[in-house]
Each structure stands twice: as C-alpha cells, then as structure tokens.
Protein backbone atom coordinates (compact mmCIF):
# COMPACT_ATOMS: atom_id res chain seq x y z
CA MET A 1 -26.28 4.90 20.03
CA GLN A 2 -23.48 4.55 17.64
CA MET A 3 -22.39 7.59 15.78
CA ASP A 4 -22.09 7.55 12.01
CA ILE A 5 -19.27 9.65 10.16
CA LYS A 6 -20.77 11.68 7.32
CA VAL A 7 -18.48 11.44 4.44
CA GLY A 8 -18.18 13.81 1.31
CA ILE A 9 -16.33 11.96 -1.58
CA ILE A 10 -14.37 14.26 -3.86
CA GLY A 11 -13.75 12.59 -7.22
CA LEU A 12 -16.49 10.30 -8.39
CA GLY A 13 -14.56 8.13 -10.86
CA ARG A 14 -12.85 4.68 -10.54
CA GLY A 15 -11.55 5.35 -7.19
CA GLY A 16 -14.20 7.39 -5.67
CA PHE A 17 -17.16 5.59 -6.96
CA GLY A 18 -15.93 2.41 -8.16
CA MET A 19 -13.99 1.45 -5.10
CA GLN A 20 -14.77 3.67 -1.95
CA CYS A 21 -18.72 3.68 -2.47
CA SER A 22 -18.66 -0.03 -2.70
CA GLU A 23 -16.45 -0.35 0.58
CA LEU A 24 -18.60 2.10 2.44
CA ASP A 25 -21.64 0.51 1.39
CA GLN A 26 -20.68 -2.42 3.77
CA LYS A 27 -20.08 0.00 6.81
CA LYS A 28 -23.39 1.88 6.81
CA ASP A 29 -23.50 1.53 10.50
CA ARG A 30 -20.45 3.53 10.66
CA PHE A 31 -20.14 5.86 7.77
CA ARG A 32 -22.86 7.48 5.59
CA ILE A 33 -22.22 9.12 2.34
CA VAL A 34 -23.71 12.41 2.31
CA ALA A 35 -22.07 14.47 -0.37
CA GLY A 36 -20.43 14.08 -3.40
CA CYS A 37 -18.24 16.37 -6.02
CA ASP A 38 -17.02 15.86 -9.60
CA THR A 39 -16.61 18.34 -12.39
CA TYR A 40 -17.88 15.54 -14.77
CA ALA A 41 -21.53 15.72 -14.81
CA PRO A 42 -22.26 12.11 -15.93
CA TRP A 43 -20.51 11.13 -12.67
CA ARG A 44 -22.39 13.31 -10.43
CA ASP A 45 -25.77 11.81 -12.09
CA ARG A 46 -24.78 8.13 -11.43
CA MET A 47 -23.97 8.94 -8.00
CA LYS A 48 -27.25 10.65 -7.37
CA GLU A 49 -28.92 7.54 -8.93
CA ARG A 50 -27.08 5.37 -6.61
CA TYR A 51 -27.58 7.55 -3.45
CA PRO A 52 -30.69 9.73 -4.15
CA ASP A 53 -30.29 11.68 -0.66
CA CYS A 54 -26.53 12.61 -1.59
CA ARG A 55 -25.95 16.24 -2.25
CA LEU A 56 -23.86 16.74 -5.36
CA TYR A 57 -21.52 19.47 -6.34
CA GLY A 58 -19.58 20.58 -9.22
CA ARG A 59 -17.05 22.66 -7.57
CA ILE A 60 -14.96 21.36 -4.44
CA GLU A 61 -15.42 24.73 -2.72
CA GLU A 62 -19.19 24.13 -2.52
CA LEU A 63 -18.55 20.83 -0.69
CA MET A 64 -16.13 22.45 1.66
CA GLU A 65 -19.09 24.71 2.62
CA ASP A 66 -21.28 21.88 3.44
CA SER A 67 -21.48 21.93 7.26
CA THR A 68 -22.78 18.26 7.62
CA VAL A 69 -19.67 16.72 5.76
CA GLU A 70 -17.29 15.59 8.70
CA LEU A 71 -14.65 13.46 6.49
CA VAL A 72 -13.54 14.67 3.25
CA SER A 73 -12.53 11.57 1.13
CA ILE A 74 -10.11 12.56 -1.64
CA ALA A 75 -10.43 10.41 -4.83
CA THR A 76 -9.38 12.87 -7.52
CA ARG A 77 -6.50 12.63 -9.84
CA SER A 78 -3.12 12.22 -8.20
CA VAL A 79 -1.79 15.64 -9.30
CA ASP A 80 -4.66 17.36 -7.30
CA HIS A 81 -4.49 15.54 -4.21
CA PHE A 82 -2.19 18.22 -2.47
CA ASP A 83 -4.48 21.08 -3.44
CA HIS A 84 -7.65 19.37 -2.39
CA ALA A 85 -6.20 18.33 0.82
CA VAL A 86 -5.19 21.74 1.58
CA LEU A 87 -8.69 23.27 0.93
CA ALA A 88 -10.32 20.54 3.18
CA LEU A 89 -7.74 21.04 6.07
CA HIS A 90 -8.28 24.89 5.91
CA ALA A 91 -12.01 24.26 6.04
CA GLY A 92 -11.47 22.53 9.25
CA LYS A 93 -12.68 18.94 7.81
CA HIS A 94 -11.17 15.60 8.55
CA VAL A 95 -9.45 14.46 5.50
CA LEU A 96 -8.78 11.00 4.02
CA MET A 97 -6.34 10.92 1.15
CA ASP A 98 -6.23 8.14 -1.54
CA LYS A 99 -3.03 7.16 -2.57
CA PRO A 100 -0.61 8.60 -3.37
CA MET A 101 -1.17 11.24 -0.70
CA CYS A 102 0.62 13.76 -3.04
CA LEU A 103 3.32 13.76 -5.77
CA ASN A 104 6.56 14.02 -3.54
CA ALA A 105 8.02 14.09 -0.31
CA GLU A 106 8.05 17.89 0.02
CA GLN A 107 4.30 18.10 -0.47
CA ALA A 108 3.66 15.45 2.09
CA ILE A 109 5.99 17.14 4.68
CA GLN A 110 3.88 20.31 3.97
CA LEU A 111 0.70 18.62 4.34
CA GLN A 112 1.67 17.23 7.92
CA ASP A 113 2.48 20.78 8.87
CA ILE A 114 -0.76 22.08 7.65
CA ALA A 115 -2.81 19.37 9.31
CA GLN A 116 -1.16 20.06 12.74
CA ARG A 117 -2.57 23.43 12.72
CA SER A 118 -5.91 22.28 11.32
CA ALA A 119 -8.97 21.49 13.41
CA GLY A 120 -9.30 18.46 11.13
CA ARG A 121 -6.97 15.29 11.08
CA LEU A 122 -5.42 13.70 8.09
CA TYR A 123 -5.44 10.12 7.14
CA VAL A 124 -3.84 8.26 4.42
CA ARG A 125 -5.55 5.38 2.71
CA HIS A 126 -2.71 2.80 2.58
CA ASN A 127 -5.49 0.14 2.55
CA ARG A 128 -3.25 -2.76 0.96
CA ARG A 129 -1.45 -3.03 4.53
CA PHE A 130 -4.89 -4.58 5.72
CA ASP A 131 -5.12 -7.09 2.89
CA PRO A 132 -5.42 -10.65 4.22
CA ASP A 133 -2.48 -11.92 2.33
CA PHE A 134 -0.06 -9.27 3.33
CA LEU A 135 -1.14 -9.67 7.00
CA HIS A 136 -0.73 -13.62 6.89
CA VAL A 137 2.69 -13.19 5.36
CA LYS A 138 3.68 -10.47 8.03
CA GLU A 139 2.51 -12.96 10.66
CA ILE A 140 4.65 -15.78 9.47
CA ILE A 141 7.87 -13.71 9.11
CA ASP A 142 7.17 -12.13 12.71
CA SER A 143 6.80 -15.76 14.15
CA GLY A 144 10.48 -16.38 13.51
CA LEU A 145 9.34 -19.68 11.68
CA LEU A 146 11.69 -18.78 8.78
CA GLY A 147 14.73 -17.65 10.76
CA TYR A 148 16.34 -14.84 9.72
CA VAL A 149 14.67 -13.29 6.73
CA HIS A 150 17.11 -11.92 4.45
CA THR A 151 15.21 -11.28 1.07
CA ILE A 152 11.49 -10.56 0.42
CA LYS A 153 10.05 -10.02 -3.33
CA LEU A 154 6.83 -8.07 -3.78
CA SER A 155 5.70 -8.39 -7.33
CA ARG A 156 2.66 -7.02 -9.20
CA LEU A 157 3.10 -7.92 -12.82
CA VAL A 158 0.50 -7.46 -15.79
CA TYR A 159 0.78 -6.89 -19.62
CA SER A 160 -1.13 -3.76 -20.35
CA ARG A 161 -0.83 -1.13 -23.27
CA ARG A 162 -2.49 1.22 -20.93
CA CYS A 163 -3.58 4.68 -22.35
CA ASP A 164 -5.64 6.52 -19.77
CA TRP A 165 -4.83 9.58 -17.62
CA GLN A 166 -2.38 7.55 -15.34
CA THR A 167 0.17 7.49 -18.01
CA LEU A 168 0.79 11.05 -18.05
CA LYS A 169 3.22 13.10 -15.95
CA GLU A 170 0.73 16.21 -15.95
CA ASN A 171 -1.82 13.99 -14.01
CA GLY A 172 0.63 12.53 -11.56
CA GLY A 173 0.62 9.13 -13.54
CA GLY A 174 2.98 6.40 -13.74
CA GLN A 175 3.36 2.94 -11.69
CA LEU A 176 5.53 4.74 -8.91
CA LEU A 177 2.50 6.88 -7.78
CA ASN A 178 -0.11 4.01 -8.82
CA TRP A 179 0.83 0.57 -7.28
CA GLY A 180 4.07 2.02 -6.01
CA PRO A 181 2.74 3.51 -2.67
CA HIS A 182 0.88 0.20 -1.78
CA LEU A 183 3.98 -2.25 -2.08
CA ILE A 184 6.55 0.47 -0.83
CA ASP A 185 4.15 0.92 2.29
CA GLN A 186 4.12 -3.00 2.69
CA ALA A 187 7.88 -3.13 2.26
CA LEU A 188 8.35 -0.42 4.74
CA GLN A 189 6.13 -2.43 7.31
CA LEU A 190 8.12 -5.48 6.87
CA LEU A 191 11.40 -3.73 7.30
CA ASP A 192 10.07 -1.79 10.28
CA ALA A 193 10.72 1.38 8.62
CA PRO A 194 10.91 4.52 9.39
CA ARG A 195 11.26 3.38 13.05
CA LYS A 196 14.27 1.52 11.89
CA PRO A 197 15.86 3.85 9.02
CA LEU A 198 16.63 1.99 5.81
CA LYS A 199 20.09 1.48 5.01
CA GLY A 200 19.76 1.75 1.36
CA ILE A 201 17.52 2.58 -1.71
CA TRP A 202 18.07 1.48 -5.47
CA ALA A 203 15.77 2.19 -8.48
CA ASP A 204 15.32 1.38 -11.93
CA CYS A 205 12.17 2.54 -14.01
CA LYS A 206 11.31 2.37 -17.68
CA ARG A 207 8.19 3.31 -20.09
CA LEU A 208 8.02 0.35 -22.21
CA ILE A 209 4.63 -0.39 -23.67
CA ALA A 210 2.00 2.11 -22.08
CA GLY A 211 0.98 5.18 -23.79
CA GLY A 212 1.79 8.59 -22.35
CA ASP A 213 5.25 9.65 -20.89
CA CYS A 214 5.41 7.69 -17.39
CA GLU A 215 7.15 4.86 -16.21
CA ASP A 216 5.08 1.38 -16.61
CA HIS A 217 8.01 -0.96 -15.25
CA VAL A 218 9.41 -0.37 -11.81
CA LYS A 219 12.30 -2.11 -9.94
CA LEU A 220 12.93 -1.19 -6.48
CA MET A 221 15.28 -2.37 -3.80
CA LEU A 222 15.01 -1.26 -0.16
CA THR A 223 17.53 -2.47 2.44
CA GLY A 224 16.35 -2.58 6.03
CA ALA A 225 18.26 -1.69 9.13
CA ASP A 226 18.96 -5.66 9.60
CA GLY A 227 20.23 -6.01 6.28
CA CYS A 228 17.09 -7.62 4.83
CA LEU A 229 16.34 -6.74 1.19
CA VAL A 230 12.76 -6.05 -0.23
CA ASP A 231 12.77 -6.44 -3.82
CA ILE A 232 9.77 -4.62 -5.47
CA GLU A 233 8.72 -5.17 -8.92
CA ILE A 234 5.79 -3.47 -10.73
CA SER A 235 5.43 -3.94 -14.30
CA GLY A 236 2.80 -3.49 -17.13
CA ALA A 237 4.94 -5.22 -19.46
CA ALA A 238 5.20 -8.76 -17.98
CA LYS A 239 3.05 -11.42 -19.73
CA ILE A 240 4.20 -14.12 -17.41
CA ALA A 241 3.00 -13.57 -13.89
CA VAL A 242 5.23 -14.60 -10.72
CA PRO A 243 4.27 -15.06 -7.37
CA GLU A 244 3.12 -11.80 -5.31
CA TYR A 245 5.08 -12.71 -2.53
CA VAL A 246 8.46 -14.60 -1.98
CA VAL A 247 10.14 -14.64 1.34
CA LEU A 248 13.62 -16.32 1.88
CA GLY A 249 14.75 -16.91 5.47
CA THR A 250 17.75 -18.99 6.86
CA ARG A 251 15.22 -21.68 8.34
CA GLY A 252 12.70 -21.70 5.50
CA SER A 253 10.84 -20.15 2.41
CA LEU A 254 7.29 -18.70 1.76
CA VAL A 255 5.87 -18.42 -1.66
CA LEU A 256 2.23 -16.85 -2.17
CA SER A 257 0.37 -16.51 -5.30
CA LEU A 258 -2.91 -14.78 -5.26
CA ASN A 259 -4.25 -16.59 -8.30
CA PRO A 260 -4.82 -19.44 -6.98
CA ALA A 261 -4.59 -17.94 -3.57
CA ALA A 262 -2.37 -20.09 -1.42
CA ILE A 263 0.52 -19.98 0.65
CA GLU A 264 3.47 -22.52 -0.07
CA LEU A 265 5.46 -23.08 3.05
CA ASP A 266 8.89 -24.88 3.57
CA TYR A 267 10.62 -24.73 6.86
CA LEU A 268 13.04 -26.68 8.99
CA ASP A 269 11.52 -28.51 12.07
CA PRO A 270 11.75 -25.84 14.85
CA SER A 271 12.28 -28.62 17.36
CA VAL A 272 15.49 -29.70 15.52
CA LYS A 273 18.61 -27.74 16.49
CA LEU A 274 21.04 -27.63 13.57
CA ASP A 275 24.71 -28.92 13.94
CA GLU A 276 27.37 -26.28 13.78
CA VAL A 277 28.59 -26.01 10.13
CA LYS A 278 32.24 -27.53 10.52
CA VAL A 279 34.32 -26.85 7.32
CA ASP A 280 36.51 -29.84 5.89
CA ASN A 281 39.25 -28.41 3.80
CA GLY A 282 40.35 -31.70 2.69
CA VAL A 283 39.71 -33.52 -0.34
CA PRO A 284 35.93 -33.83 -0.91
CA GLY A 285 34.77 -37.34 -0.37
CA GLY A 286 32.05 -37.02 -2.98
CA TYR A 287 29.69 -34.57 -4.72
CA THR A 288 27.66 -33.57 -1.55
CA MET A 289 28.55 -30.30 0.35
CA GLN A 290 25.89 -30.78 2.76
CA THR A 291 26.45 -30.33 6.52
CA GLN A 292 26.53 -33.35 8.85
CA ASN A 293 22.97 -33.85 9.95
CA ALA A 294 20.12 -34.50 7.59
CA LEU A 295 17.79 -31.53 7.15
CA GLN A 296 13.92 -32.15 8.34
CA TRP A 297 11.87 -30.25 6.22
CA ILE A 298 8.30 -29.41 6.75
CA HIS A 299 5.93 -28.64 3.70
CA LYS A 300 2.73 -26.99 4.14
CA THR A 301 0.21 -25.42 1.64
CA LEU A 302 -2.02 -22.73 3.79
CA ALA A 303 -5.19 -20.90 2.90
CA ILE A 304 -4.84 -17.25 3.49
CA ALA A 305 -6.28 -16.89 6.90
CA PRO A 306 -4.41 -14.58 9.21
CA SER A 307 -5.04 -15.18 12.83
CA LYS A 308 -5.88 -11.45 13.45
CA LYS A 309 -7.73 -9.55 10.84
CA THR A 310 -7.84 -5.92 10.46
CA ASP A 311 -10.22 -3.63 8.41
CA PHE A 312 -9.16 -0.10 7.06
CA TRP A 313 -12.65 1.42 7.55
CA ASP A 314 -13.30 -0.03 10.95
CA GLU A 315 -9.83 1.23 12.25
CA LEU A 316 -10.50 4.63 10.70
CA TYR A 317 -13.74 4.84 12.46
CA MET A 318 -12.34 4.01 15.74
CA ALA A 319 -9.44 6.45 15.48
CA MET A 320 -12.10 9.20 14.62
CA VAL A 321 -14.81 8.29 17.01
CA HIS A 322 -12.74 6.88 20.06
CA GLN A 323 -9.40 8.64 19.47
CA THR A 324 -7.65 5.24 19.29
CA GLU A 325 -4.41 5.08 17.30
CA PHE A 326 -4.65 4.82 13.84
CA SER A 327 -2.05 2.47 12.37
CA VAL A 328 -1.15 4.39 9.28
CA THR A 329 0.89 7.29 10.52
CA LEU A 330 1.62 10.36 8.86
CA GLU A 331 5.34 9.59 9.43
CA GLN A 332 4.88 6.41 7.68
CA ALA A 333 2.97 8.07 4.61
CA ILE A 334 5.76 10.70 4.41
CA GLU A 335 8.56 7.68 4.36
CA VAL A 336 6.74 6.17 1.33
CA MET A 337 6.79 9.57 -0.52
CA LYS A 338 10.22 9.91 0.43
CA VAL A 339 11.02 6.48 -1.31
CA VAL A 340 9.07 7.54 -4.33
CA SER A 341 10.82 10.85 -4.61
CA PHE A 342 14.11 9.20 -4.37
CA ALA A 343 13.15 6.67 -7.12
CA LYS A 344 11.96 9.37 -9.43
CA LYS A 345 15.23 11.60 -9.03
CA GLN A 346 17.43 8.55 -9.52
CA THR A 347 15.38 7.49 -12.67
CA GLY A 348 14.73 10.76 -14.30
CA PHE A 349 10.90 10.20 -14.02
C-alpha cells in the first residue's frame, strides 16, 4: 500500500493556504494535510472549514510537538523562515522551505549545517524549476538547435504600486527575495551553476513606485563559465510587458511569451553546414555584408509541451519515501542565496 506523507503547514496565508493547500489537494494519494499553524485566528478558522480533521495551532512550538506531522512546510513571512526551519529541524522533522529559504547566504549555510545534524531532511521549494515553460526552453537549449547560446533574458514585469508586508525590509520583503529566487534558480540551472562556477555577477536595484523601503525593480546579470550571459529583470514598475524568455544563439533564437503561451523559434537548418566566413577587405560591391551562402531559416510556433514533464510534489514524495535524489539540492539553493546576498550588498538593499 502506498504511504502518504503527513504534512503540517506553518503560515496559512497566501503561500500556505492559497498555494500549497491547492497543490496538495491534487496529491491526496501521496500527501495528507494533518496540521496547520498561524498566529492569525481567521486563517485558522478558514483552514478548519476546508479541512475539518486538521489540527490547528496558534503557536509553532505546539505543531512541533505533534508526533503525527512528518513534513513541516514553512510558508510564513520571509524574515521568519530561518528561525522556523531551525525549530523544525531541532524537532527532528523533515522541512520544506518556501522561497526564499532565508534572508541571506550566511543563514542558508547555517541551515545546511543544522540539517546535516538533524534526523530530518531539508528541502527548498524552488518550484518554478518544474514549470513546463522553463522545462521546454531548457530542453531546446540543451538540444543544441540554437548553437552556442550566448544570451538569455528572463523577465517578470508588471505595474504594481504594492503596499503589503513584502514591501518592508523588516519582513524580508523586496523583489530580490520574492520573484528573485525563482528566476535566479532558473538562471543557475541554465548556466549549470554552481557545478560550473559563475564568472561574474552584476546587479542594479531600485525602489520606484511601491510602498515600503524595499526594491521593486531588479536587474541582474549572471555570466556563466562558458561566457553565456543571463539577463534577469524583475519589475513592479513596467506597464508594457516583454516576453518572459528570450534566448539568443549562434544558429537561432527563441522567444516565449506566457500570454498567450507560445514559443516562437527561428533557427538555421541543422542539415546545412555554413560556409567559413571569409573576409573581403576590398571595396564593398554593394550594401550587403552577408556571407557567401544564403541562410536557410526555419520558423516554428510551438505550444508549450516539454517532452519530459516533472512535478515538484511528486519528486519530493519519491525523495522522501524511496530515497531518490531530489533535484533541488541544498548546494544549489545556497548558490541562489549567494547571488541574492551579492546583489543586496552591491545595491545597498
């Protein structure tokens, strides 16, 4: 008989109740929500209404004492992630941390050390790595169809005069700790880092139209070991959207917009070998500066449909029950926090 993993969720707001509960409802054969914790009574009330058999707590320490809880999912405010993970690991629980796993690289390294001495295992919810759009883009890049990929652009742009807790430093707010971990993780995957160390990082952050004291506009540039540049832009001050993915290679390019969801692909016929570029230093015979042979371009519009789909919760289940390797390693999660810490230090946020 298949074993289900008993989950206790800490933080029953937008992340815990709004996102994780909905996702876990689709995985009832593998995960069962048995407990929840929040200091805000109305959130506990709506949790009880949705899950009548769920045990609800107002204090985290009470949930840690619940012997039926096997996996503690931390979906509290970012500033509390570190302390709550430490409590859970010391209680011997397995821990799933929503992004950001903590506030900085130093805390991430500490958590890794504590996890190594705990009976529980530590997992980080970099779930955007499992998105079909990302998987399909990575699949095309890895196929070599576009040649050497020299530039990748990852964007999430909206116009939002945001005013909630995620605009305040005291809560661990700001785009670097909100959308930042998602796109940084994707960028590191595309650059095969940290297995191949980054050659460079550049950052620019600004607070433009949001309330609070955190950055709502982020520009990051990561240079990979092979020279590929990933340009990350996250903004709450951009009214005109741009494609979420742009990939530029020596034999073609790719553009992916999520609304409407489609991949536009232009690439050179792989069966045609390009002539060597021979430079003529004489007087130009016309306006053309093209090489000798005519380029044979192929254009395709593709629906987002990677050949191999993966699911965050299914992979987590296999890792916990069958001891398979979980693809989001702590080393990778720490590398994300190193980039965040570098950007914050460089920009004063």
